[in-house]
């Protein structure tokens, strides 16, 4: 199979100097305490699923992460989109990945897991996670029971990520119009779903997972 190399354009809301944290007062603050890991620097990297947009050597304190997951058919071809911003509303990473056949809820949960994982890997001491799935947001905050076995497995994996992280995680449910970039990225993943499902590092010429 011929590898395809995909990228995304900068976040439209960021171009308009949108500051994600200004939305906080509009929604209930469902916070979850967690723990952190050391900072890892990162570089401009083209991948076949992901486009990493920015580099920094400065410690990243707070990240606002918008995630979306979707499936066409439920279950059906699915994908996730992750848009990461620093505390100055500057886009850090734009990422998307085709998942294969999944349900909408599992795709949303996988997107949440990946967003949290990337925030921890980038050295954040505080992660603010935004998503337009009320069910997954409430489950992450312990307000909704997780009865589905597949969702429980993802939730346990997220708890595993948080165990050794000395930071704070807050999860917010937002309306879809405030999640346009992550939604666009997840749809791009589904549109281009014929490519490999693993992440390819264009700089180092190797698969990342």
N, C-alpha and C. Protein backbone atom coordinates (compact mmCIF):
# COMPACT_ATOMS: atom_id res chain seq x y z
N UNK A 1 0.84 -1.19 0.00
CA UNK A 1 0.00 0.00 0.00
C UNK A 1 0.88 1.25 0.00
N UNK A 2 0.53 2.21 -0.82
CA UNK A 2 1.29 3.46 -0.88
C UNK A 2 0.88 4.35 0.27
N UNK A 3 1.87 4.82 1.03
CA UNK A 3 1.58 5.70 2.16
C UNK A 3 1.13 7.07 1.69
N UNK A 4 0.15 7.63 2.34
CA UNK A 4 -0.29 8.99 2.07
C UNK A 4 0.12 9.87 3.23
N UNK A 5 0.49 11.10 2.94
CA UNK A 5 0.93 11.99 3.99
C UNK A 5 -0.04 13.16 4.08
N UNK A 6 -0.71 13.24 5.19
CA UNK A 6 -1.79 14.20 5.37
C UNK A 6 -1.34 15.32 6.30
N UNK A 7 -1.98 16.46 6.16
CA UNK A 7 -1.75 17.55 7.10
C UNK A 7 -3.02 18.36 7.23
N UNK A 8 -3.08 19.17 8.25
CA UNK A 8 -4.24 20.04 8.44
C UNK A 8 -3.79 21.47 8.49
N UNK A 9 -4.69 22.38 8.14
CA UNK A 9 -4.38 23.80 8.19
C UNK A 9 -4.50 24.31 9.62
N UNK A 10 -3.93 25.50 9.92
CA UNK A 10 -4.05 26.05 11.28
C UNK A 10 -5.50 26.21 11.70
N UNK A 11 -5.72 26.22 12.96
CA UNK A 11 -7.08 26.29 13.51
C UNK A 11 -7.74 27.61 13.16
N UNK A 12 -8.94 27.53 12.59
CA UNK A 12 -9.63 28.76 12.19
C UNK A 12 -9.94 29.65 13.39
N UNK A 13 -10.35 29.02 14.51
CA UNK A 13 -10.67 29.82 15.70
C UNK A 13 -9.42 30.50 16.24
N UNK A 14 -8.28 29.82 16.15
CA UNK A 14 -7.04 30.43 16.63
C UNK A 14 -6.66 31.63 15.76
N UNK A 15 -6.95 31.53 14.45
CA UNK A 15 -6.67 32.65 13.55
C UNK A 15 -7.45 33.89 13.98
N UNK A 16 -8.62 33.65 14.57
CA UNK A 16 -9.46 34.76 15.02
C UNK A 16 -9.12 35.17 16.45
N UNK A 17 -7.98 34.69 16.94
CA UNK A 17 -7.52 34.98 18.30
C UNK A 17 -8.53 34.52 19.35
N UNK A 18 -9.18 33.41 19.03
CA UNK A 18 -10.12 32.81 19.98
C UNK A 18 -9.34 32.25 21.16
N UNK A 19 -9.81 32.49 22.38
CA UNK A 19 -9.17 31.98 23.58
C UNK A 19 -10.09 30.96 24.23
N UNK A 20 -9.75 29.67 24.15
CA UNK A 20 -10.66 28.62 24.61
C UNK A 20 -11.11 28.78 26.05
N UNK A 21 -10.21 29.27 26.92
CA UNK A 21 -10.58 29.31 28.32
C UNK A 21 -11.68 30.33 28.62
N UNK A 22 -11.98 31.24 27.66
CA UNK A 22 -13.06 32.20 27.87
C UNK A 22 -14.42 31.51 27.89
N UNK A 23 -14.46 30.26 27.39
CA UNK A 23 -15.72 29.52 27.38
C UNK A 23 -16.03 28.92 28.74
N UNK A 24 -15.06 28.92 29.65
CA UNK A 24 -15.22 28.18 30.89
C UNK A 24 -16.46 28.61 31.66
N UNK A 25 -16.71 29.93 31.73
CA UNK A 25 -17.84 30.41 32.52
C UNK A 25 -19.19 30.03 31.92
N UNK A 26 -19.18 29.57 30.66
CA UNK A 26 -20.44 29.20 30.03
C UNK A 26 -20.89 27.80 30.45
N UNK A 27 -19.96 27.02 30.94
CA UNK A 27 -20.26 25.62 31.21
C UNK A 27 -19.87 25.25 32.63
N UNK A 28 -20.39 24.18 33.10
CA UNK A 28 -20.06 23.71 34.44
C UNK A 28 -18.64 23.18 34.44
N UNK A 29 -17.91 23.49 35.48
CA UNK A 29 -16.52 23.06 35.59
C UNK A 29 -16.47 21.70 36.27
N UNK A 30 -16.31 20.66 35.44
CA UNK A 30 -16.22 19.32 35.99
C UNK A 30 -14.75 18.96 36.06
N UNK A 31 -14.12 19.09 37.21
CA UNK A 31 -12.68 18.89 37.33
C UNK A 31 -12.34 17.54 37.91
N UNK A 32 -11.23 16.98 37.43
CA UNK A 32 -10.72 15.73 37.95
C UNK A 32 -9.26 15.91 38.29
N UNK A 33 -8.86 15.70 39.53
CA UNK A 33 -7.46 15.83 39.92
C UNK A 33 -6.67 14.65 39.39
N UNK A 34 -5.42 14.90 38.99
CA UNK A 34 -4.55 13.84 38.50
C UNK A 34 -3.11 14.17 38.82
N UNK A 35 -2.15 13.45 38.23
CA UNK A 35 -0.71 13.65 38.48
C UNK A 35 0.08 13.86 37.17
N UNK A 36 1.46 14.34 37.09
CA UNK A 36 2.20 14.72 35.83
C UNK A 36 3.53 14.07 35.55
N UNK A 37 4.08 14.24 34.39
CA UNK A 37 5.35 13.65 33.99
C UNK A 37 6.27 14.74 33.48
N UNK A 38 7.60 14.45 33.30
CA UNK A 38 8.52 15.47 32.81
C UNK A 38 8.18 15.94 31.41
N UNK A 39 8.67 17.15 31.09
CA UNK A 39 8.43 17.74 29.78
C UNK A 39 9.23 17.03 28.71
N UNK A 40 8.60 16.79 27.56
CA UNK A 40 9.30 16.29 26.38
C UNK A 40 9.20 17.36 25.31
N UNK A 41 10.36 17.77 24.73
CA UNK A 41 10.31 18.73 23.63
C UNK A 41 9.83 18.01 22.38
N UNK A 42 9.30 18.78 21.41
CA UNK A 42 8.84 18.17 20.19
C UNK A 42 9.13 19.10 19.02
N UNK A 43 9.04 18.59 17.81
CA UNK A 43 9.53 19.27 16.63
C UNK A 43 8.48 19.25 15.52
N UNK A 44 8.64 20.15 14.54
CA UNK A 44 7.79 20.13 13.36
C UNK A 44 7.85 18.74 12.74
N UNK A 45 6.73 18.08 12.59
CA UNK A 45 6.73 16.72 12.06
C UNK A 45 5.54 16.53 11.14
N UNK A 46 5.80 16.12 9.90
CA UNK A 46 4.73 15.72 9.02
C UNK A 46 4.50 14.22 9.21
N UNK A 47 3.24 13.81 9.30
CA UNK A 47 2.94 12.39 9.38
C UNK A 47 1.79 12.11 8.43
N UNK A 48 1.52 10.83 8.21
CA UNK A 48 0.43 10.52 7.29
C UNK A 48 -0.93 10.70 7.93
N UNK A 49 -0.99 10.77 9.24
CA UNK A 49 -2.26 11.05 9.90
C UNK A 49 -2.23 12.35 10.67
N UNK A 50 -1.07 12.77 11.10
CA UNK A 50 -0.98 13.89 12.01
C UNK A 50 -0.10 14.99 11.43
N UNK A 51 -0.40 16.23 11.79
CA UNK A 51 0.46 17.36 11.45
C UNK A 51 0.76 18.11 12.73
N UNK A 52 2.01 18.06 13.20
CA UNK A 52 2.42 18.76 14.41
C UNK A 52 2.87 20.15 13.99
N UNK A 53 2.21 21.18 14.52
CA UNK A 53 2.33 22.51 13.95
C UNK A 53 3.38 23.40 14.59
N UNK A 54 3.77 23.13 15.82
CA UNK A 54 4.57 24.12 16.54
C UNK A 54 5.67 23.44 17.33
N UNK A 55 6.73 24.19 17.70
CA UNK A 55 7.79 23.65 18.54
C UNK A 55 8.04 24.61 19.69
N UNK A 56 8.52 24.08 20.78
CA UNK A 56 8.84 24.93 21.91
C UNK A 56 9.85 24.26 22.80
N UNK A 57 10.70 25.05 23.45
CA UNK A 57 11.60 24.52 24.46
C UNK A 57 11.18 25.01 25.85
N UNK A 58 10.12 25.81 25.90
CA UNK A 58 9.63 26.34 27.17
C UNK A 58 8.70 25.34 27.83
N UNK A 59 8.68 25.29 29.14
CA UNK A 59 7.76 24.39 29.83
C UNK A 59 6.31 24.74 29.48
N UNK A 60 5.52 23.74 29.19
CA UNK A 60 4.11 23.94 28.88
C UNK A 60 3.33 23.71 30.17
N UNK A 61 2.66 24.74 30.65
CA UNK A 61 1.93 24.62 31.91
C UNK A 61 0.50 24.14 31.69
N UNK A 62 -0.24 24.87 30.85
CA UNK A 62 -1.65 24.58 30.66
C UNK A 62 -1.94 24.37 29.18
N UNK A 63 -2.66 23.31 28.88
CA UNK A 63 -3.06 23.03 27.50
C UNK A 63 -4.57 22.92 27.43
N UNK A 64 -5.15 23.54 26.41
CA UNK A 64 -6.56 23.36 26.09
C UNK A 64 -6.64 22.41 24.92
N UNK A 65 -7.32 21.29 25.10
CA UNK A 65 -7.35 20.23 24.09
C UNK A 65 -8.79 19.97 23.68
N UNK A 66 -9.07 20.16 22.40
CA UNK A 66 -10.39 19.90 21.83
C UNK A 66 -10.33 18.55 21.11
N UNK A 67 -11.27 17.67 21.42
CA UNK A 67 -11.26 16.35 20.78
C UNK A 67 -12.63 16.06 20.18
N UNK A 68 -12.61 15.23 19.15
CA UNK A 68 -13.86 14.76 18.56
C UNK A 68 -13.64 13.37 17.99
N UNK A 69 -14.65 12.56 18.07
CA UNK A 69 -14.64 11.24 17.46
C UNK A 69 -15.97 11.00 16.79
N UNK A 70 -15.95 10.29 15.68
CA UNK A 70 -17.19 10.04 14.98
C UNK A 70 -17.13 8.74 14.20
N UNK A 71 -18.30 8.22 13.86
CA UNK A 71 -18.41 7.00 13.06
C UNK A 71 -19.54 7.17 12.07
N UNK A 72 -19.35 6.69 10.89
CA UNK A 72 -20.37 6.76 9.86
C UNK A 72 -21.04 5.40 9.74
N UNK A 73 -22.13 5.25 10.47
CA UNK A 73 -22.84 3.98 10.48
C UNK A 73 -23.17 3.50 11.88
N UNK A 74 -22.32 3.78 12.84
CA UNK A 74 -22.52 3.52 14.28
C UNK A 74 -23.00 2.09 14.59
N UNK A 75 -22.16 1.06 14.46
CA UNK A 75 -20.73 1.18 14.12
C UNK A 75 -20.51 1.37 12.63
N UNK A 76 -19.36 1.93 12.32
CA UNK A 76 -18.97 2.17 10.95
C UNK A 76 -17.58 2.75 10.90
N UNK A 77 -17.11 3.13 9.71
CA UNK A 77 -15.79 3.76 9.59
C UNK A 77 -15.70 4.97 10.51
N UNK A 78 -14.66 5.04 11.30
CA UNK A 78 -14.58 6.07 12.34
C UNK A 78 -13.22 6.74 12.36
N UNK A 79 -13.17 7.91 13.01
CA UNK A 79 -11.92 8.64 13.13
C UNK A 79 -11.96 9.59 14.31
N UNK A 80 -10.78 10.06 14.71
CA UNK A 80 -10.67 11.04 15.79
C UNK A 80 -9.93 12.27 15.29
N UNK A 81 -10.22 13.41 15.92
CA UNK A 81 -9.50 14.65 15.66
C UNK A 81 -9.13 15.28 16.98
N UNK A 82 -7.90 15.80 17.07
CA UNK A 82 -7.41 16.41 18.30
C UNK A 82 -6.75 17.73 17.97
N UNK A 83 -7.22 18.82 18.58
CA UNK A 83 -6.65 20.15 18.39
C UNK A 83 -6.14 20.65 19.73
N UNK A 84 -4.83 20.95 19.80
CA UNK A 84 -4.19 21.30 21.07
C UNK A 84 -3.69 22.74 21.01
N UNK A 85 -4.01 23.53 22.05
CA UNK A 85 -3.61 24.93 22.14
C UNK A 85 -2.85 25.16 23.44
N UNK A 86 -1.90 26.11 23.41
CA UNK A 86 -1.23 26.48 24.66
C UNK A 86 -2.04 27.55 25.39
N UNK A 87 -1.48 28.08 26.46
CA UNK A 87 -2.22 29.02 27.31
C UNK A 87 -2.46 30.37 26.64
N UNK A 88 -1.77 30.62 25.51
CA UNK A 88 -1.96 31.86 24.76
C UNK A 88 -2.85 31.64 23.54
N UNK A 89 -3.55 30.52 23.51
CA UNK A 89 -4.46 30.15 22.42
C UNK A 89 -3.72 29.93 21.11
N UNK A 90 -2.43 29.63 21.18
CA UNK A 90 -1.64 29.30 19.99
C UNK A 90 -1.78 27.81 19.72
N UNK A 91 -2.10 27.41 18.47
CA UNK A 91 -2.22 25.98 18.17
C UNK A 91 -0.87 25.28 18.27
N UNK A 92 -0.83 24.18 19.00
CA UNK A 92 0.38 23.39 19.18
C UNK A 92 0.40 22.20 18.23
N UNK A 93 -0.69 21.45 18.20
CA UNK A 93 -0.77 20.28 17.34
C UNK A 93 -2.17 20.14 16.75
N UNK A 94 -2.21 19.68 15.50
CA UNK A 94 -3.44 19.29 14.84
C UNK A 94 -3.27 17.82 14.45
N UNK A 95 -4.08 16.95 15.01
CA UNK A 95 -3.89 15.52 14.76
C UNK A 95 -5.21 14.85 14.40
N UNK A 96 -5.12 13.87 13.49
CA UNK A 96 -6.30 13.07 13.18
C UNK A 96 -5.86 11.66 12.83
N UNK A 97 -6.75 10.71 13.08
CA UNK A 97 -6.42 9.31 12.84
C UNK A 97 -7.67 8.51 12.50
N UNK A 98 -7.56 7.67 11.50
CA UNK A 98 -8.63 6.75 11.14
C UNK A 98 -8.56 5.55 12.06
N UNK A 99 -9.70 5.14 12.63
CA UNK A 99 -9.72 4.07 13.62
C UNK A 99 -10.17 2.73 13.08
N UNK A 100 -10.81 2.71 11.93
CA UNK A 100 -11.45 1.49 11.47
C UNK A 100 -12.91 1.50 11.87
N UNK A 101 -13.49 0.34 12.11
CA UNK A 101 -14.90 0.24 12.45
C UNK A 101 -15.08 0.39 13.97
N UNK A 102 -15.79 1.43 14.36
CA UNK A 102 -16.07 1.71 15.77
C UNK A 102 -17.45 2.35 15.89
N UNK A 103 -17.93 2.46 17.12
CA UNK A 103 -19.15 3.21 17.38
C UNK A 103 -18.79 4.68 17.64
N UNK A 104 -19.80 5.55 17.60
CA UNK A 104 -19.57 6.96 17.90
C UNK A 104 -18.99 7.16 19.30
N UNK A 105 -19.58 6.49 20.28
CA UNK A 105 -19.13 6.70 21.65
C UNK A 105 -17.72 6.19 21.89
N UNK A 106 -17.39 5.05 21.31
CA UNK A 106 -16.02 4.55 21.46
C UNK A 106 -15.03 5.48 20.76
N UNK A 107 -15.40 6.00 19.61
CA UNK A 107 -14.51 6.94 18.91
C UNK A 107 -14.28 8.19 19.77
N UNK A 108 -15.34 8.70 20.38
CA UNK A 108 -15.20 9.87 21.27
C UNK A 108 -14.28 9.55 22.45
N UNK A 109 -14.47 8.37 23.05
CA UNK A 109 -13.65 7.99 24.19
C UNK A 109 -12.19 7.79 23.80
N UNK A 110 -11.95 7.20 22.64
CA UNK A 110 -10.58 7.02 22.15
C UNK A 110 -9.94 8.37 21.89
N UNK A 111 -10.72 9.31 21.33
CA UNK A 111 -10.21 10.66 21.11
C UNK A 111 -9.83 11.33 22.42
N UNK A 112 -10.67 11.15 23.45
CA UNK A 112 -10.36 11.72 24.76
C UNK A 112 -9.08 11.13 25.32
N UNK A 113 -8.94 9.82 25.21
CA UNK A 113 -7.73 9.15 25.70
C UNK A 113 -6.49 9.67 24.98
N UNK A 114 -6.60 9.81 23.67
CA UNK A 114 -5.43 10.28 22.92
C UNK A 114 -5.09 11.72 23.27
N UNK A 115 -6.11 12.56 23.41
CA UNK A 115 -5.86 13.96 23.78
C UNK A 115 -5.17 14.08 25.13
N UNK A 116 -5.66 13.32 26.11
CA UNK A 116 -5.03 13.34 27.44
C UNK A 116 -3.60 12.82 27.37
N UNK A 117 -3.42 11.73 26.64
CA UNK A 117 -2.07 11.16 26.49
C UNK A 117 -1.09 12.17 25.90
N UNK A 118 -1.52 12.88 24.86
CA UNK A 118 -0.63 13.87 24.23
C UNK A 118 -0.34 15.02 25.18
N UNK A 119 -1.35 15.45 25.92
CA UNK A 119 -1.12 16.52 26.88
C UNK A 119 -0.07 16.15 27.91
N UNK A 120 -0.15 14.93 28.41
CA UNK A 120 0.83 14.45 29.38
C UNK A 120 2.21 14.35 28.74
N UNK A 121 2.26 13.83 27.51
CA UNK A 121 3.55 13.69 26.82
C UNK A 121 4.20 15.04 26.56
N UNK A 122 3.39 16.06 26.36
CA UNK A 122 3.92 17.40 26.11
C UNK A 122 4.32 18.13 27.39
N UNK A 123 4.13 17.50 28.52
CA UNK A 123 4.59 18.06 29.78
C UNK A 123 3.65 19.02 30.46
N UNK A 124 2.36 18.98 30.11
CA UNK A 124 1.40 19.90 30.73
C UNK A 124 1.22 19.58 32.21
N UNK A 125 1.06 20.62 33.00
CA UNK A 125 0.70 20.45 34.41
C UNK A 125 -0.80 20.62 34.62
N UNK A 126 -1.47 21.16 33.60
CA UNK A 126 -2.94 21.28 33.63
C UNK A 126 -3.47 21.06 32.23
N UNK A 127 -4.46 20.19 32.13
CA UNK A 127 -5.11 19.90 30.85
C UNK A 127 -6.59 20.23 30.98
N UNK A 128 -7.09 21.03 30.04
CA UNK A 128 -8.52 21.32 29.97
C UNK A 128 -9.03 20.66 28.69
N UNK A 129 -9.86 19.66 28.85
CA UNK A 129 -10.34 18.85 27.74
C UNK A 129 -11.75 19.27 27.37
N UNK A 130 -11.96 19.59 26.09
CA UNK A 130 -13.27 20.00 25.59
C UNK A 130 -13.77 18.96 24.60
N UNK A 131 -15.05 18.60 24.71
CA UNK A 131 -15.65 17.67 23.75
C UNK A 131 -17.14 17.95 23.63
N UNK A 132 -17.71 17.56 22.49
CA UNK A 132 -19.14 17.81 22.30
C UNK A 132 -19.99 16.57 22.60
N UNK A 133 -19.38 15.52 23.13
CA UNK A 133 -20.13 14.34 23.56
C UNK A 133 -20.45 14.45 25.04
N UNK A 134 -21.71 14.70 25.37
CA UNK A 134 -22.11 14.83 26.77
C UNK A 134 -21.92 13.51 27.51
N UNK A 135 -22.22 12.40 26.85
CA UNK A 135 -22.12 11.09 27.50
C UNK A 135 -20.69 10.82 27.96
N UNK A 136 -19.73 11.00 27.06
CA UNK A 136 -18.33 10.69 27.40
C UNK A 136 -17.80 11.69 28.42
N UNK A 137 -18.17 12.97 28.29
CA UNK A 137 -17.73 13.97 29.26
C UNK A 137 -18.23 13.62 30.66
N UNK A 138 -19.51 13.23 30.76
CA UNK A 138 -20.09 12.88 32.05
C UNK A 138 -19.48 11.60 32.61
N UNK A 139 -19.18 10.65 31.73
CA UNK A 139 -18.53 9.42 32.19
C UNK A 139 -17.13 9.70 32.72
N UNK A 140 -16.39 10.55 32.04
CA UNK A 140 -15.04 10.88 32.49
C UNK A 140 -15.06 11.58 33.84
N UNK A 141 -16.13 12.31 34.10
CA UNK A 141 -16.25 13.02 35.37
C UNK A 141 -16.98 12.22 36.44
N UNK A 142 -17.29 10.96 36.13
CA UNK A 142 -17.91 10.08 37.12
C UNK A 142 -19.37 10.34 37.37
N UNK A 143 -20.03 11.08 36.49
CA UNK A 143 -21.45 11.41 36.69
C UNK A 143 -22.38 10.40 36.01
N UNK A 144 -21.91 9.77 34.94
CA UNK A 144 -22.68 8.74 34.25
C UNK A 144 -22.01 7.39 34.46
N UNK A 145 -22.81 6.36 34.67
CA UNK A 145 -22.29 5.00 34.80
C UNK A 145 -21.79 4.50 33.45
N UNK A 146 -20.70 3.75 33.46
CA UNK A 146 -20.15 3.18 32.23
C UNK A 146 -20.55 1.72 32.18
N UNK A 147 -21.60 1.42 31.45
CA UNK A 147 -22.11 0.05 31.39
C UNK A 147 -21.53 -0.75 30.23
N UNK A 148 -21.06 -0.05 29.20
CA UNK A 148 -20.51 -0.73 28.03
C UNK A 148 -19.09 -1.21 28.30
N UNK A 149 -18.83 -2.49 28.04
CA UNK A 149 -17.52 -3.07 28.32
C UNK A 149 -16.41 -2.37 27.55
N UNK A 150 -16.65 -2.08 26.28
CA UNK A 150 -15.64 -1.41 25.47
C UNK A 150 -15.29 -0.03 25.99
N UNK A 151 -16.29 0.71 26.45
CA UNK A 151 -16.04 2.03 27.02
C UNK A 151 -15.34 1.94 28.37
N UNK A 152 -15.67 0.91 29.15
CA UNK A 152 -15.00 0.72 30.44
C UNK A 152 -13.50 0.49 30.24
N UNK A 153 -13.15 -0.28 29.22
CA UNK A 153 -11.74 -0.56 28.94
C UNK A 153 -10.98 0.73 28.62
N UNK A 154 -11.61 1.60 27.83
CA UNK A 154 -10.96 2.87 27.48
C UNK A 154 -10.85 3.76 28.72
N UNK A 155 -11.91 3.77 29.53
CA UNK A 155 -11.90 4.58 30.76
C UNK A 155 -10.79 4.11 31.70
N UNK A 156 -10.61 2.81 31.84
CA UNK A 156 -9.54 2.28 32.69
C UNK A 156 -8.17 2.66 32.14
N UNK A 157 -8.04 2.67 30.81
CA UNK A 157 -6.78 3.08 30.20
C UNK A 157 -6.48 4.55 30.50
N UNK A 158 -7.53 5.39 30.47
CA UNK A 158 -7.36 6.80 30.81
C UNK A 158 -6.93 6.95 32.27
N UNK A 159 -7.57 6.20 33.16
CA UNK A 159 -7.19 6.25 34.57
C UNK A 159 -5.74 5.82 34.77
N UNK A 160 -5.29 4.86 33.95
CA UNK A 160 -3.90 4.45 34.02
C UNK A 160 -2.95 5.56 33.63
N UNK A 161 -3.34 6.36 32.61
CA UNK A 161 -2.51 7.49 32.20
C UNK A 161 -2.38 8.52 33.31
N UNK A 162 -3.47 8.69 34.07
CA UNK A 162 -3.50 9.74 35.09
C UNK A 162 -2.81 9.34 36.40
N UNK A 163 -2.58 8.05 36.58
CA UNK A 163 -2.09 7.55 37.87
C UNK A 163 -0.78 8.21 38.30
N UNK A 164 0.17 8.32 37.38
CA UNK A 164 1.50 8.84 37.73
C UNK A 164 1.71 10.28 37.25
N UNK A 165 0.62 10.99 37.01
CA UNK A 165 0.72 12.36 36.48
C UNK A 165 0.40 13.36 37.57
N UNK A 166 1.32 14.25 37.88
CA UNK A 166 1.12 15.24 38.95
C UNK A 166 0.50 16.52 38.41
N UNK A 167 -0.66 16.41 37.83
CA UNK A 167 -1.30 17.58 37.24
C UNK A 167 -2.80 17.57 37.48
N UNK A 168 -3.49 18.49 36.81
CA UNK A 168 -4.94 18.63 36.96
C UNK A 168 -5.61 18.46 35.61
N UNK A 169 -6.65 17.63 35.58
CA UNK A 169 -7.45 17.43 34.38
C UNK A 169 -8.86 17.94 34.64
N UNK A 170 -9.35 18.81 33.76
CA UNK A 170 -10.74 19.27 33.80
C UNK A 170 -11.40 18.90 32.48
N UNK A 171 -12.62 18.41 32.54
CA UNK A 171 -13.33 17.98 31.34
C UNK A 171 -14.61 18.80 31.19
N UNK A 172 -14.81 19.37 30.01
CA UNK A 172 -15.98 20.20 29.74
C UNK A 172 -16.75 19.66 28.54
N UNK A 173 -18.06 19.67 28.66
CA UNK A 173 -18.90 19.43 27.49
C UNK A 173 -19.21 20.78 26.86
N UNK A 174 -19.00 20.89 25.55
CA UNK A 174 -19.30 22.12 24.82
C UNK A 174 -20.19 21.80 23.62
N UNK A 175 -20.86 22.81 23.11
CA UNK A 175 -21.68 22.62 21.92
C UNK A 175 -20.79 22.43 20.70
N UNK A 176 -21.34 21.77 19.70
CA UNK A 176 -20.55 21.41 18.52
C UNK A 176 -19.96 22.62 17.81
N UNK A 177 -20.67 23.75 17.83
CA UNK A 177 -20.16 24.93 17.14
C UNK A 177 -18.87 25.47 17.76
N UNK A 178 -18.59 25.08 19.00
CA UNK A 178 -17.34 25.47 19.64
C UNK A 178 -16.25 24.42 19.47
N UNK A 179 -16.55 23.38 18.71
CA UNK A 179 -15.61 22.27 18.53
C UNK A 179 -15.36 22.01 17.05
N UNK A 180 -15.40 23.06 16.25
CA UNK A 180 -15.37 22.89 14.80
C UNK A 180 -14.07 22.30 14.28
N UNK A 181 -12.94 22.69 14.86
CA UNK A 181 -11.67 22.21 14.34
C UNK A 181 -11.48 20.72 14.59
N UNK A 182 -11.75 20.27 15.80
CA UNK A 182 -11.63 18.84 16.09
C UNK A 182 -12.62 18.04 15.26
N UNK A 183 -13.83 18.58 15.06
CA UNK A 183 -14.83 17.93 14.21
C UNK A 183 -14.34 17.82 12.78
N UNK A 184 -13.73 18.90 12.27
CA UNK A 184 -13.20 18.87 10.90
C UNK A 184 -12.10 17.82 10.77
N UNK A 185 -11.26 17.72 11.79
CA UNK A 185 -10.16 16.76 11.74
C UNK A 185 -10.67 15.32 11.78
N UNK A 186 -11.66 15.04 12.62
CA UNK A 186 -12.19 13.68 12.69
C UNK A 186 -12.86 13.29 11.38
N UNK A 187 -13.55 14.25 10.75
CA UNK A 187 -14.16 13.97 9.45
C UNK A 187 -13.10 13.77 8.37
N UNK A 188 -12.00 14.49 8.47
CA UNK A 188 -10.89 14.30 7.53
C UNK A 188 -10.32 12.89 7.66
N UNK A 189 -10.22 12.42 8.90
CA UNK A 189 -9.73 11.06 9.13
C UNK A 189 -10.65 10.04 8.47
N UNK A 190 -11.96 10.24 8.61
CA UNK A 190 -12.91 9.31 8.00
C UNK A 190 -12.90 9.42 6.49
N UNK A 191 -12.75 10.65 5.95
CA UNK A 191 -12.69 10.84 4.51
C UNK A 191 -11.48 10.13 3.90
N UNK A 192 -10.36 10.15 4.61
CA UNK A 192 -9.11 9.59 4.10
C UNK A 192 -8.81 8.25 4.76
N UNK A 193 -9.84 7.54 5.13
CA UNK A 193 -9.69 6.31 5.92
C UNK A 193 -9.09 5.14 5.20
N UNK A 194 -8.77 5.25 3.92
CA UNK A 194 -8.16 4.13 3.21
C UNK A 194 -6.68 3.99 3.51
N UNK A 195 -6.08 5.00 4.16
CA UNK A 195 -4.64 4.97 4.46
C UNK A 195 -4.34 4.09 5.67
N UNK A 196 -3.05 3.95 6.02
CA UNK A 196 -2.67 3.14 7.18
C UNK A 196 -3.27 3.70 8.46
N UNK A 197 -3.54 2.84 9.43
CA UNK A 197 -4.12 3.28 10.70
C UNK A 197 -3.05 3.68 11.70
N UNK A 198 -1.80 3.34 11.43
CA UNK A 198 -0.73 3.72 12.35
C UNK A 198 -0.21 5.11 12.01
N UNK A 199 0.42 5.73 12.99
CA UNK A 199 0.98 7.07 12.82
C UNK A 199 2.37 6.95 12.20
N UNK A 200 2.60 7.66 11.12
CA UNK A 200 3.91 7.62 10.47
C UNK A 200 4.65 8.93 10.69
N UNK A 201 5.88 8.82 11.19
CA UNK A 201 6.73 9.99 11.43
C UNK A 201 7.52 10.28 10.16
N UNK A 202 7.14 11.37 9.47
CA UNK A 202 7.75 11.71 8.19
C UNK A 202 9.21 12.12 8.35
N UNK A 203 9.57 12.72 9.48
CA UNK A 203 10.94 13.17 9.71
C UNK A 203 11.87 11.99 9.92
N UNK A 204 11.49 11.07 10.80
CA UNK A 204 12.35 9.94 11.15
C UNK A 204 12.09 8.69 10.33
N UNK A 205 11.12 8.79 9.39
CA UNK A 205 10.81 7.68 8.49
C UNK A 205 10.50 6.38 9.24
N UNK A 206 9.59 6.47 10.20
CA UNK A 206 9.23 5.27 10.95
C UNK A 206 7.81 5.39 11.48
N UNK A 207 7.21 4.25 11.78
CA UNK A 207 5.89 4.25 12.40
C UNK A 207 6.02 4.51 13.89
N UNK A 208 5.10 5.31 14.43
CA UNK A 208 5.15 5.68 15.84
C UNK A 208 4.35 4.73 16.72
N UNK A 209 3.32 4.11 16.17
CA UNK A 209 2.57 3.13 16.96
C UNK A 209 1.95 2.10 16.04
